[in-house]
Protein backbone atom coordinates (compact mmCIF):
# COMPACT_ATOMS: atom_id res chain seq x y z
CA MET A 1 -26.06 36.43 -48.88
CA ARG A 2 -27.72 33.11 -48.24
CA VAL A 3 -26.27 29.90 -49.62
CA ASN A 4 -28.75 27.42 -51.05
CA VAL A 5 -27.22 24.06 -50.14
CA ASN A 6 -29.86 22.17 -52.11
CA LEU A 7 -29.01 23.94 -55.37
CA PHE A 8 -25.26 23.69 -54.67
CA SER A 9 -25.48 19.92 -54.14
CA PHE A 10 -27.53 19.55 -57.33
CA ILE A 11 -24.82 21.35 -59.33
CA ILE A 12 -22.11 19.16 -57.78
CA ALA A 13 -24.14 16.05 -58.67
CA LEU A 14 -24.30 17.18 -62.30
CA ILE A 15 -20.55 17.81 -62.28
CA SER A 16 -20.03 14.31 -60.86
CA VAL A 17 -22.06 12.78 -63.69
CA ILE A 18 -20.00 14.68 -66.28
CA LEU A 19 -16.75 13.64 -64.57
CA ILE A 20 -17.65 9.96 -64.49
CA LEU A 21 -18.61 10.05 -68.17
CA ILE A 22 -15.31 11.71 -69.09
CA LEU A 23 -13.16 9.49 -66.88
CA THR A 24 -14.69 6.20 -67.98
CA SER A 25 -14.55 7.05 -71.69
CA SER A 26 -10.85 7.86 -71.95
CA ASN A 27 -7.82 6.02 -70.66
CA TYR A 28 -5.76 9.21 -71.02
CA TRP A 29 -7.38 10.90 -67.99
CA ILE A 30 -6.94 7.78 -65.86
CA ASN A 31 -3.24 7.54 -66.70
CA LEU A 32 -2.73 11.28 -66.17
CA SER A 33 -4.37 11.17 -62.76
CA MET A 34 -2.42 8.08 -61.76
CA GLN A 35 0.87 9.78 -62.68
CA ILE A 36 0.13 13.12 -61.02
CA LEU A 37 -1.82 12.09 -57.91
CA GLY A 38 -1.08 8.40 -57.59
CA TRP A 39 -4.82 7.71 -57.17
CA HIS A 40 -7.40 6.32 -59.50
CA PRO A 41 -9.59 9.27 -60.56
CA LEU A 42 -12.77 7.40 -59.66
CA PHE A 43 -11.76 7.72 -56.00
CA ILE A 44 -12.05 11.48 -56.48
CA VAL A 45 -15.48 11.07 -58.07
CA LEU A 46 -16.51 8.78 -55.21
CA GLY A 47 -15.47 11.38 -52.65
CA LEU A 48 -17.31 14.06 -54.59
CA THR A 49 -20.50 12.01 -54.74
CA LEU A 50 -20.35 11.24 -51.03
CA VAL A 51 -19.96 14.96 -50.26
CA THR A 52 -22.89 15.62 -52.61
CA PHE A 53 -25.00 13.06 -50.75
CA VAL A 54 -24.28 14.70 -47.39
CA LEU A 55 -25.01 18.18 -48.79
CA ALA A 56 -28.26 16.93 -50.31
CA VAL A 57 -29.40 15.56 -46.95
CA VAL A 58 -28.45 18.83 -45.25
CA GLY A 59 -30.24 20.75 -48.02
CA PHE A 60 -33.56 19.11 -47.15
CA LYS A 61 -33.93 21.39 -44.14
CA ASP A 62 -34.33 24.49 -46.35
CA ILE A 63 -36.95 23.11 -48.73
CA LYS A 64 -39.95 25.36 -49.16
CA GLY A 65 -41.51 24.30 -52.47
CA TRP A 66 -42.14 21.34 -54.68
CA ALA A 67 -39.36 22.30 -57.12
CA ALA A 68 -36.75 22.31 -54.38
CA MET A 69 -38.06 18.99 -53.06
CA THR A 70 -37.85 17.45 -56.52
CA ARG A 71 -34.33 18.80 -56.99
CA GLY A 72 -33.31 17.34 -53.61
CA ILE A 73 -34.76 13.92 -54.38
CA ILE A 74 -33.06 13.88 -57.80
CA THR A 75 -29.77 14.88 -56.17
CA LEU A 76 -30.05 12.07 -53.62
CA ALA A 77 -30.90 9.54 -56.32
CA VAL A 78 -28.06 10.64 -58.61
CA SER A 79 -25.45 10.72 -55.85
CA THR A 80 -26.55 7.36 -54.46
CA GLY A 81 -26.59 5.76 -57.90
CA LEU A 82 -23.18 7.17 -58.84
CA SER A 83 -21.70 6.05 -55.53
CA ILE A 84 -22.95 2.50 -56.06
CA ILE A 85 -21.66 2.41 -59.64
CA VAL A 86 -18.23 3.80 -58.73
CA ILE A 87 -17.85 1.46 -55.74
CA PHE A 88 -18.79 -1.47 -57.98
CA ILE A 89 -16.28 -0.42 -60.67
CA LEU A 90 -13.48 0.09 -58.15
CA PHE A 91 -14.23 -3.18 -56.32
CA ILE A 92 -14.33 -5.26 -59.50
CA GLY A 93 -11.22 -3.47 -60.78
CA LYS A 94 -9.30 -4.38 -57.60
CA LEU A 95 -10.43 -8.00 -57.93
CA MET A 96 -9.23 -8.18 -61.55
CA SER A 97 -5.78 -6.74 -60.87
């Protein structure tokens, strides 16, 4: 069975978007994560988006059609954008505390 890294990274990027929307909309999840793990949950999302970025770059080697190329470019754009947003939020949050 062959693993399609491009599709896998696209799915992880969508999960990252859903996670950031959930985590930034509710203080409950932030407090729960801080109590259980001791980390801010956006660090987990940042790690997930960085892994997604690396997988998206690796997935470019298996592209054979325009749909896969579009999916790869969207994955790179989403993971890069989310990484920048999360880094900005974490940096400003550290400055304010």
